[in-house]
Amino acid sequence: MASLKFLGRVLVAWFAAWCMLLVLFGIFDWHHGELPWFVTLAWFVGLLIALGRGVTHLYRVRTIAGRIDAETLSNRQRRRVEVPYGADEAFDIVEAVIRELPNVQDITGGRGGLQLRALVRLLPGDLPRRRGMPQQGLDRNTKVSATITPSDGSSSVMFVCEPDSSAWMDWFNPDGGASLEHVETLVRAMTQRLTERRNRERADVRQTAMEKELTAAQLGLLQAQVEPHFLYNTLASAQELVRTDPARADRMLGHLIDYLRRSLPRTDGSLSTLGQELERSTAWLEIMKLRMGERLTVHTEVADEIAALPMPSMMLQTLVENAIKHGLEPKPGGGGVWIRGRVEGGLLSLTVADDGMGFRSEGSGTGIGLRNLRERLRLTYGATASFVIGNNFPNGVAATITLPAKGVSDHA
């Protein structure tokens, strides 16, 4: 029924044009009010061509859409696509999709106006035609426009495809399904790109989750294991001090208990705080001071106001252990360790420096511990955190972790 109505509309339009010609020739008394034979012939040929193009239009519409109704038969097509991204990202996707249309030219528009326009030029042979039916001169190019409407965290894209001629021409000259084909192509391309993008995002999320789980497992193992050689040496030192200096032995065991208690794994996966990490490292350093004696001095410059700032656990401990083991223990006469923390520009900067052997010593602290630290920073903070290690002046090494410090005022 829709097909008959469509062809009937074409017939009505051409017969209306015939009637208009009769009226005009009658009013102006051209050829005594009668149509010349060549006008009648031209009208008849035009009607046949229009009917042939109408049949072609019906065939292509059924092939493209799989159905024939008022929506698919229209020469002017519009489709709305919901995009789960902001207007800027949606604009980039729409622009890429339009540029991939065959024979597309004259792409105009701007990001500020959130609108794109283009012209798809019809080349000879693009549309099927019946034998003997002329094609060029009646075929029309297709105008394509896309309007992006932003919403809360998402966007809506309206595609419009229509012939580049006045709407009244649609009654006389169907476009052969060109607008329908182009708008369906745009919708399919948009859907494919959005699906690919969502799949990539899901894959990235899964990969990141796996990396976080792996890093958390490594951290849990690290926290659950106290280095045997450190534990044995500390207990041996305490045993010897029990006989020679009981008060000092008692302090050493107290620091060891405090360190072990603060080294228990965090089962909830939450961040620690700067204060908690400083207490853990201080307990470890106090043990090392009791073992190394005057060879080790510790300087701490961390304001109480920033002690509650969140940070990943064991990072400060890793830097402190590197400073002692690779910098000060091998150095004759020992040296000092400095721990400095400050907030500036919304960032927490935490530095551990020593005046030890520096990078000249074997095992300069660039092994698995610091690789694990860098990876944890990347997984937790992305590009907003950084880790830098370099020479300290005049001797030793300085390592600095920089983290976001949201909601905290700057402290010098």
Protein backbone atom coordinates (compact mmCIF):
# COMPACT_ATOMS: atom_id res chain seq x y z
CA MET A 1 0.00 0.00 0.00
CA ALA A 2 2.82 2.43 0.87
CA SER A 3 4.44 1.69 -2.51
CA LEU A 4 1.23 2.49 -4.40
CA LYS A 5 0.75 5.70 -2.45
CA PHE A 6 4.32 6.74 -3.22
CA LEU A 7 3.96 6.13 -6.98
CA GLY A 8 0.50 7.72 -6.91
CA ARG A 9 2.01 10.85 -5.38
CA VAL A 10 4.50 11.05 -8.26
CA LEU A 11 1.63 10.69 -10.79
CA VAL A 12 -0.42 13.37 -9.04
CA ALA A 13 2.55 15.76 -9.08
CA TRP A 14 3.17 15.29 -12.80
CA PHE A 15 -0.52 15.55 -13.70
CA ALA A 16 -0.70 18.72 -11.63
CA ALA A 17 2.20 20.05 -13.66
CA TRP A 18 0.28 19.06 -16.86
CA CYS A 19 -2.74 20.99 -15.68
CA MET A 20 -0.58 24.04 -14.90
CA LEU A 21 0.82 23.94 -18.40
CA LEU A 22 -2.70 23.82 -19.87
CA VAL A 23 -3.75 26.78 -17.76
CA LEU A 24 -0.67 28.84 -18.70
CA PHE A 25 -1.01 28.13 -22.41
CA GLY A 26 -4.73 29.00 -22.16
CA ILE A 27 -4.18 32.27 -20.29
CA PHE A 28 -1.49 33.54 -22.62
CA ASP A 29 -3.11 31.95 -25.67
CA TRP A 30 0.12 30.30 -26.70
CA HIS A 31 -0.45 28.09 -29.75
CA HIS A 32 -4.17 28.95 -29.47
CA GLY A 33 -4.31 27.44 -25.97
CA GLU A 34 -3.11 24.03 -27.11
CA LEU A 35 0.09 22.32 -25.98
CA PRO A 36 2.67 21.83 -28.72
CA TRP A 37 3.52 18.23 -29.44
CA PHE A 38 7.13 18.60 -28.18
CA VAL A 39 5.90 19.92 -24.79
CA THR A 40 3.55 16.99 -24.51
CA LEU A 41 6.37 14.64 -25.47
CA ALA A 42 8.74 16.19 -22.93
CA TRP A 43 6.09 15.92 -20.22
CA PHE A 44 5.42 12.28 -21.08
CA VAL A 45 9.13 11.39 -21.11
CA GLY A 46 9.60 13.17 -17.76
CA LEU A 47 6.69 11.20 -16.28
CA LEU A 48 8.19 7.91 -17.43
CA ILE A 49 11.57 8.84 -15.99
CA ALA A 50 10.01 9.88 -12.68
CA LEU A 51 8.05 6.62 -12.45
CA GLY A 52 11.21 4.65 -13.27
CA ARG A 53 13.12 6.50 -10.57
CA GLY A 54 10.22 5.93 -8.22
CA VAL A 55 10.46 2.17 -8.78
CA THR A 56 14.23 2.37 -8.24
CA HIS A 57 13.62 4.34 -5.05
CA LEU A 58 11.24 1.67 -3.75
CA TYR A 59 13.70 -1.10 -4.60
CA ARG A 60 16.63 0.57 -2.84
CA VAL A 61 14.57 1.53 0.20
CA ARG A 62 13.43 -2.06 0.67
CA THR A 63 17.03 -3.27 0.21
CA ILE A 64 18.48 -0.79 2.70
CA ALA A 65 15.78 -0.70 5.39
CA GLY A 66 14.11 -4.07 4.84
CA ARG A 67 10.69 -2.38 4.87
CA ILE A 68 8.68 0.22 3.01
CA ASP A 69 6.73 2.83 4.95
CA ALA A 70 6.32 6.58 5.15
CA GLU A 71 9.48 6.99 7.23
CA THR A 72 11.81 5.04 4.95
CA LEU A 73 10.31 6.40 1.70
CA SER A 74 10.97 10.01 2.62
CA ASN A 75 13.67 11.83 0.67
CA ARG A 76 14.65 13.71 3.83
CA GLN A 77 15.93 11.50 6.64
CA ARG A 78 16.83 12.27 10.23
CA ARG A 79 18.19 10.08 13.00
CA ARG A 80 19.13 10.76 16.62
CA VAL A 81 22.04 8.96 18.29
CA GLU A 82 22.74 9.16 22.01
CA VAL A 83 26.45 9.44 22.84
CA PRO A 84 27.67 8.68 26.39
CA TYR A 85 30.44 11.29 26.14
CA GLY A 86 30.77 15.03 26.43
CA ALA A 87 30.20 17.42 23.54
CA ASP A 88 33.89 17.73 22.58
CA GLU A 89 34.41 13.98 22.35
CA ALA A 90 31.11 13.55 20.51
CA PHE A 91 32.16 16.25 18.02
CA ASP A 92 35.40 14.40 17.26
CA ILE A 93 33.56 11.11 16.70
CA VAL A 94 30.92 12.71 14.47
CA GLU A 95 33.54 14.53 12.39
CA ALA A 96 35.48 11.30 11.84
CA VAL A 97 32.31 9.44 10.84
CA ILE A 98 31.25 12.11 8.33
CA ARG A 99 34.71 12.23 6.77
CA GLU A 100 34.49 8.50 6.05
CA LEU A 101 31.38 8.89 3.86
CA PRO A 102 32.11 8.09 0.19
CA ASN A 103 32.49 11.16 -2.06
CA VAL A 104 32.03 13.56 0.85
CA GLN A 105 33.16 17.15 0.22
CA ASP A 106 32.85 20.67 1.59
CA ILE A 107 32.86 19.73 5.29
CA THR A 108 32.20 22.89 7.29
CA GLY A 109 31.29 23.72 10.84
CA GLY A 110 32.98 24.44 14.13
CA ARG A 111 33.45 22.96 17.56
CA GLY A 112 32.05 26.11 19.11
CA GLY A 113 28.73 25.77 17.31
CA LEU A 114 28.65 21.97 17.77
CA GLN A 115 27.43 21.55 14.21
CA LEU A 116 28.89 20.02 11.06
CA ARG A 117 27.71 20.24 7.45
CA ALA A 118 28.91 18.37 4.37
CA LEU A 119 27.91 17.59 0.81
CA VAL A 120 28.00 14.08 -0.64
CA ARG A 121 28.38 14.41 -4.40
CA LEU A 122 26.72 11.78 -6.55
CA LEU A 123 29.10 10.36 -9.13
CA PRO A 124 27.98 8.66 -12.35
CA GLY A 125 27.07 5.05 -11.69
CA ASP A 126 26.37 5.53 -7.98
CA LEU A 127 22.64 4.76 -8.42
CA PRO A 128 21.19 1.78 -10.29
CA ARG A 129 18.89 2.72 -13.18
CA ARG A 130 16.57 1.03 -15.57
CA ARG A 131 17.72 0.45 -19.13
CA GLY A 132 17.24 3.52 -21.27
CA MET A 133 16.54 5.83 -18.30
CA PRO A 134 18.86 8.86 -18.22
CA GLN A 135 20.61 9.48 -14.94
CA GLN A 136 22.68 12.65 -14.90
CA GLY A 137 20.71 15.88 -14.73
CA LEU A 138 18.00 14.38 -12.52
CA ASP A 139 20.16 12.91 -9.76
CA ARG A 140 20.81 15.19 -6.82
CA ASN A 141 23.67 15.51 -4.33
CA THR A 142 22.95 14.88 -0.66
CA LYS A 143 23.36 17.45 2.09
CA VAL A 144 24.47 16.05 5.44
CA SER A 145 24.25 17.93 8.72
CA ALA A 146 24.97 16.87 12.29
CA THR A 147 23.95 18.86 15.37
CA ILE A 148 25.34 17.95 18.79
CA THR A 149 23.27 18.77 21.87
CA PRO A 150 25.24 18.50 25.14
CA SER A 151 23.69 17.13 28.29
CA ASP A 152 24.95 16.21 31.76
CA GLY A 153 28.07 14.21 30.92
CA SER A 154 26.62 12.95 27.62
CA SER A 155 25.46 14.24 24.24
CA SER A 156 22.79 13.76 21.62
CA VAL A 157 23.60 13.85 17.90
CA MET A 158 20.95 14.60 15.27
CA PHE A 159 21.87 13.54 11.72
CA VAL A 160 19.89 15.00 8.81
CA CYS A 161 20.38 13.83 5.22
CA GLU A 162 18.42 15.45 2.36
CA PRO A 163 18.77 16.28 -1.35
CA ASP A 164 20.43 19.60 -2.18
CA SER A 165 17.28 20.95 -3.88
CA SER A 166 13.97 22.42 -2.79
CA ALA A 167 11.45 20.18 -1.07
CA TRP A 168 8.88 20.57 -3.84
CA MET A 169 11.23 18.67 -6.15
CA ASP A 170 10.71 15.55 -4.03
CA TRP A 171 7.24 15.16 -5.60
CA PHE A 172 8.67 14.98 -9.09
CA ASN A 173 12.07 13.39 -8.59
CA PRO A 174 12.71 10.77 -5.85
CA ASP A 175 16.33 10.62 -4.71
CA GLY A 176 16.65 6.87 -5.20
CA GLY A 177 17.14 6.16 -1.48
CA ALA A 178 20.38 8.14 -1.30
CA SER A 179 19.41 10.06 1.86
CA LEU A 180 18.26 6.89 3.58
CA GLU A 181 21.48 5.11 2.67
CA HIS A 182 23.68 7.93 3.96
CA VAL A 183 21.83 8.40 7.24
CA GLU A 184 21.85 4.65 7.92
CA THR A 185 25.57 4.57 7.14
CA LEU A 186 26.19 7.37 9.64
CA VAL A 187 24.18 5.64 12.36
CA ARG A 188 25.97 2.31 11.80
CA ALA A 189 29.38 4.00 11.81
CA MET A 190 28.54 5.89 15.01
CA THR A 191 27.31 2.72 16.69
CA GLN A 192 30.44 0.84 15.67
CA ARG A 193 32.77 3.56 16.91
CA LEU A 194 30.95 3.87 20.22
CA THR A 195 31.01 0.09 20.68
CA GLU A 196 34.73 -0.07 19.91
CA ARG A 197 35.40 2.77 22.30
CA ARG A 198 33.38 1.18 25.10
CA ASN A 199 35.17 -2.14 24.52
CA ARG A 200 38.54 -0.40 24.77
CA GLU A 201 37.46 1.34 27.96
CA ARG A 202 36.25 -1.94 29.45
CA ALA A 203 39.53 -3.61 28.49
CA ASP A 204 41.49 -0.74 30.06
CA VAL A 205 39.41 -0.97 33.23
CA ARG A 206 39.95 -4.73 33.42
CA GLN A 207 43.67 -4.31 32.80
CA THR A 208 43.94 -1.57 35.42
CA ALA A 209 41.97 -3.65 37.92
CA MET A 210 44.26 -6.63 37.31
CA GLU A 211 47.33 -4.45 37.72
CA LYS A 212 45.95 -2.98 40.93
CA GLU A 213 45.15 -6.43 42.28
CA LEU A 214 48.64 -7.64 41.39
CA THR A 215 50.26 -4.61 42.99
CA ALA A 216 48.04 -4.97 46.07
CA ALA A 217 49.06 -8.62 46.34
CA GLN A 218 52.71 -7.69 46.06
CA LEU A 219 52.26 -4.98 48.67
CA GLY A 220 50.43 -7.39 51.00
CA LEU A 221 53.29 -9.84 50.68
CA LEU A 222 55.77 -7.06 51.31
CA GLN A 223 53.90 -5.89 54.40
CA ALA A 224 53.37 -9.41 55.71
CA GLN A 225 57.07 -10.23 55.51
CA VAL A 226 59.56 -8.51 57.76
CA GLU A 227 63.02 -8.95 56.31
CA PRO A 228 64.48 -11.92 58.24
CA HIS A 229 67.95 -10.48 58.32
CA PHE A 230 66.67 -7.19 59.85
CA LEU A 231 64.57 -9.06 62.42
CA TYR A 232 67.38 -11.45 63.40
CA ASN A 233 69.95 -8.67 63.72
CA THR A 234 67.58 -6.57 65.82
CA LEU A 235 66.76 -9.45 68.18
CA ALA A 236 70.43 -10.38 68.43
CA SER A 237 71.32 -6.78 69.29
CA ALA A 238 68.54 -6.66 71.88
CA GLN A 239 69.75 -9.92 73.44
CA GLU A 240 73.25 -8.55 73.78
CA LEU A 241 72.00 -5.26 75.21
CA VAL A 242 69.93 -7.08 77.85
CA ARG A 243 73.21 -8.05 79.50
CA THR A 244 75.06 -4.75 79.03
CA ASP A 245 72.40 -2.01 78.79
CA PRO A 246 68.89 -3.24 79.74
CA ALA A 247 67.30 0.20 79.30
CA ARG A 248 68.60 0.47 75.74
CA ALA A 249 67.48 -3.09 75.00
CA ASP A 250 64.02 -2.22 76.27
CA ARG A 251 63.84 0.79 73.93
CA MET A 252 64.95 -1.32 70.99
CA LEU A 253 62.29 -3.98 71.64
CA GLY A 254 59.66 -1.28 72.07
CA HIS A 255 60.54 0.22 68.70
CA LEU A 256 60.55 -3.24 67.12
CA ILE A 257 57.07 -3.98 68.47
CA ASP A 258 55.84 -0.60 67.27
CA TYR A 259 57.32 -1.19 63.80
CA LEU A 260 55.85 -4.70 63.51
CA ARG A 261 52.41 -3.52 64.61
CA ARG A 262 52.40 -0.73 62.03
CA SER A 263 53.59 -3.11 59.30
CA LEU A 264 50.51 -5.31 59.42
CA PRO A 265 48.81 -5.50 55.98
CA ARG A 266 45.78 -3.23 55.39
CA THR A 267 42.99 -5.65 54.51
CA ASP A 268 40.52 -2.98 53.31
CA GLY A 269 42.79 -1.70 50.55
CA SER A 270 42.47 1.90 51.80
CA LEU A 271 45.25 4.47 51.78
CA SER A 272 47.39 5.12 54.80
CA THR A 273 48.26 8.62 56.00
CA LEU A 274 51.50 10.57 56.03
CA GLY A 275 51.45 10.52 59.83
CA GLN A 276 51.07 6.74 60.03
CA GLU A 277 53.82 6.16 57.47
CA LEU A 278 56.11 8.59 59.29
CA GLU A 279 55.52 6.72 62.58
CA ARG A 280 56.38 3.40 60.93
CA SER A 281 59.56 4.78 59.38
CA THR A 282 60.52 6.55 62.61
CA ALA A 283 60.20 3.28 64.56
CA TRP A 284 62.44 1.54 62.01
CA LEU A 285 64.97 4.39 62.11
CA GLU A 286 65.07 4.33 65.92
CA ILE A 287 66.05 0.67 65.77
CA MET A 288 68.75 1.48 63.23
CA LYS A 289 70.01 4.33 65.45
CA LEU A 290 70.31 1.96 68.40
CA ARG A 291 72.24 -0.46 66.18
CA MET A 292 74.42 2.09 64.36
CA GLY A 293 74.86 4.45 67.30
CA GLU A 294 76.37 7.84 66.52
CA ARG A 295 76.93 6.82 62.89
CA LEU A 296 73.29 7.68 62.13
CA THR A 297 71.43 10.95 62.61
CA VAL A 298 67.81 11.54 61.59
CA HIS A 299 66.24 14.89 60.71
CA THR A 300 62.45 15.14 60.26
CA GLU A 301 60.72 18.23 58.86
CA VAL A 302 57.03 17.40 58.51
CA ALA A 303 54.39 19.80 59.84
CA ASP A 304 51.66 18.36 62.07
CA GLU A 305 49.02 20.03 59.88
CA ILE A 306 49.73 17.69 56.97
CA ALA A 307 50.06 14.44 58.93
CA ALA A 308 46.48 13.43 58.04
CA LEU A 309 47.08 13.57 54.28
CA PRO A 310 46.37 10.21 52.59
CA MET A 311 49.15 8.35 50.84
CA PRO A 312 49.90 4.73 49.85
CA SER A 313 51.51 2.64 52.56
CA MET A 314 55.16 1.47 52.55
CA MET A 315 56.31 4.13 50.06
CA LEU A 316 58.09 6.27 52.64
CA GLN A 317 59.51 3.12 54.23
CA THR A 318 60.95 2.02 50.88
CA LEU A 319 62.79 5.32 50.46
CA VAL A 320 64.09 5.30 54.04
CA GLU A 321 65.37 1.72 53.76
CA ASN A 322 67.14 2.55 50.48
CA ALA A 323 68.81 5.56 52.09
CA ILE A 324 70.19 3.46 54.96
CA LYS A 325 71.08 0.23 53.16
CA HIS A 326 72.55 1.69 49.97
CA GLY A 327 73.79 5.03 51.22
CA LEU A 328 74.77 5.10 54.89
CA GLU A 329 75.53 1.56 56.05
CA PRO A 330 78.32 1.11 53.46
CA LYS A 331 79.78 4.55 54.24
CA PRO A 332 82.58 4.72 56.80
CA GLY A 333 81.44 6.97 59.59
CA GLY A 334 77.77 6.86 58.62
CA GLY A 335 75.79 10.02 58.04
CA GLY A 336 72.35 11.55 58.18
CA VAL A 337 68.87 11.01 56.77
CA TRP A 338 66.48 13.89 56.13
CA ILE A 339 62.69 13.43 55.77
CA ARG A 340 60.90 16.54 54.52
CA GLY A 341 57.22 16.98 53.74
CA ARG A 342 55.39 20.04 52.47
CA VAL A 343 52.25 21.03 50.54
CA GLU A 344 52.47 23.54 47.73
CA GLY A 345 50.14 24.20 44.83
CA GLY A 346 47.75 21.47 45.96
CA LEU A 347 50.51 18.83 45.88
CA LEU A 348 52.18 16.92 48.71
CA SER A 349 55.94 16.73 48.21
CA LEU A 350 57.74 14.11 50.33
CA THR A 351 61.54 13.92 50.13
CA VAL A 352 63.98 11.44 51.69
CA ALA A 353 67.63 12.51 51.34
CA ASP A 354 70.92 11.16 52.66
CA ASP A 355 74.58 12.15 52.53
CA GLY A 356 75.81 8.62 51.94
CA MET A 357 77.62 6.84 49.12
CA GLY A 358 75.27 8.07 46.40
CA PHE A 359 74.85 6.28 43.09
CA ARG A 360 78.44 5.14 43.12
CA SER A 361 77.60 2.40 45.61
CA GLU A 362 76.54 -1.03 44.45
CA GLY A 363 72.77 -1.29 44.37
CA SER A 364 71.83 2.39 44.29
CA GLY A 365 68.15 1.88 45.04
CA THR A 366 66.90 1.57 41.47
CA GLY A 367 65.72 -2.03 41.69
CA ILE A 368 62.40 -3.77 42.18
CA GLY A 369 61.41 -1.70 45.20
CA LEU A 370 61.40 1.60 43.30
CA ARG A 371 59.88 0.02 40.18
CA ASN A 372 57.03 -1.19 42.38
CA LEU A 373 56.74 2.30 43.88
CA ARG A 374 56.48 3.95 40.45
CA GLU A 375 53.86 1.46 39.28
CA ARG A 376 51.74 1.96 42.40
CA LEU A 377 51.87 5.72 41.91
CA ARG A 378 50.72 5.33 38.30
CA LEU A 379 47.85 3.00 39.19
CA THR A 380 46.69 5.09 42.14
CA TYR A 381 47.08 8.64 40.82
CA GLY A 382 47.76 8.39 37.08
CA ALA A 383 49.63 11.37 35.69
CA THR A 384 48.94 13.54 38.76
CA ALA A 385 51.74 11.92 40.81
CA SER A 386 55.46 11.66 40.13
CA PHE A 387 58.64 10.17 41.55
CA VAL A 388 62.11 11.67 41.07
CA ILE A 389 65.44 10.36 42.34
CA GLY A 390 68.80 12.01 41.85
CA ASN A 391 72.09 13.06 43.41
CA ASN A 392 72.02 15.02 46.65
CA PHE A 393 74.41 17.92 47.07
CA PRO A 394 77.22 17.53 48.00
CA ASN A 395 76.90 13.78 48.67
CA GLY A 396 74.25 11.11 48.69
CA VAL A 397 70.86 10.66 47.06
CA ALA A 398 67.56 12.56 47.26
CA ALA A 399 64.26 10.90 46.31
CA THR A 400 60.99 12.84 46.07
CA ILE A 401 57.41 11.62 45.79
CA THR A 402 54.77 14.15 44.67
CA LEU A 403 51.09 13.35 45.31
CA PRO A 404 47.77 15.23 45.06
CA ALA A 405 46.83 16.84 48.36
CA LYS A 406 43.18 17.76 47.92
CA GLY A 407 41.46 19.99 50.42
CA VAL A 408 44.66 21.01 52.22
CA SER A 409 46.06 24.49 52.39
CA ASP A 410 49.69 25.07 51.37
CA HIS A 411 52.43 24.86 53.97
CA ALA A 412 55.97 26.03 53.44
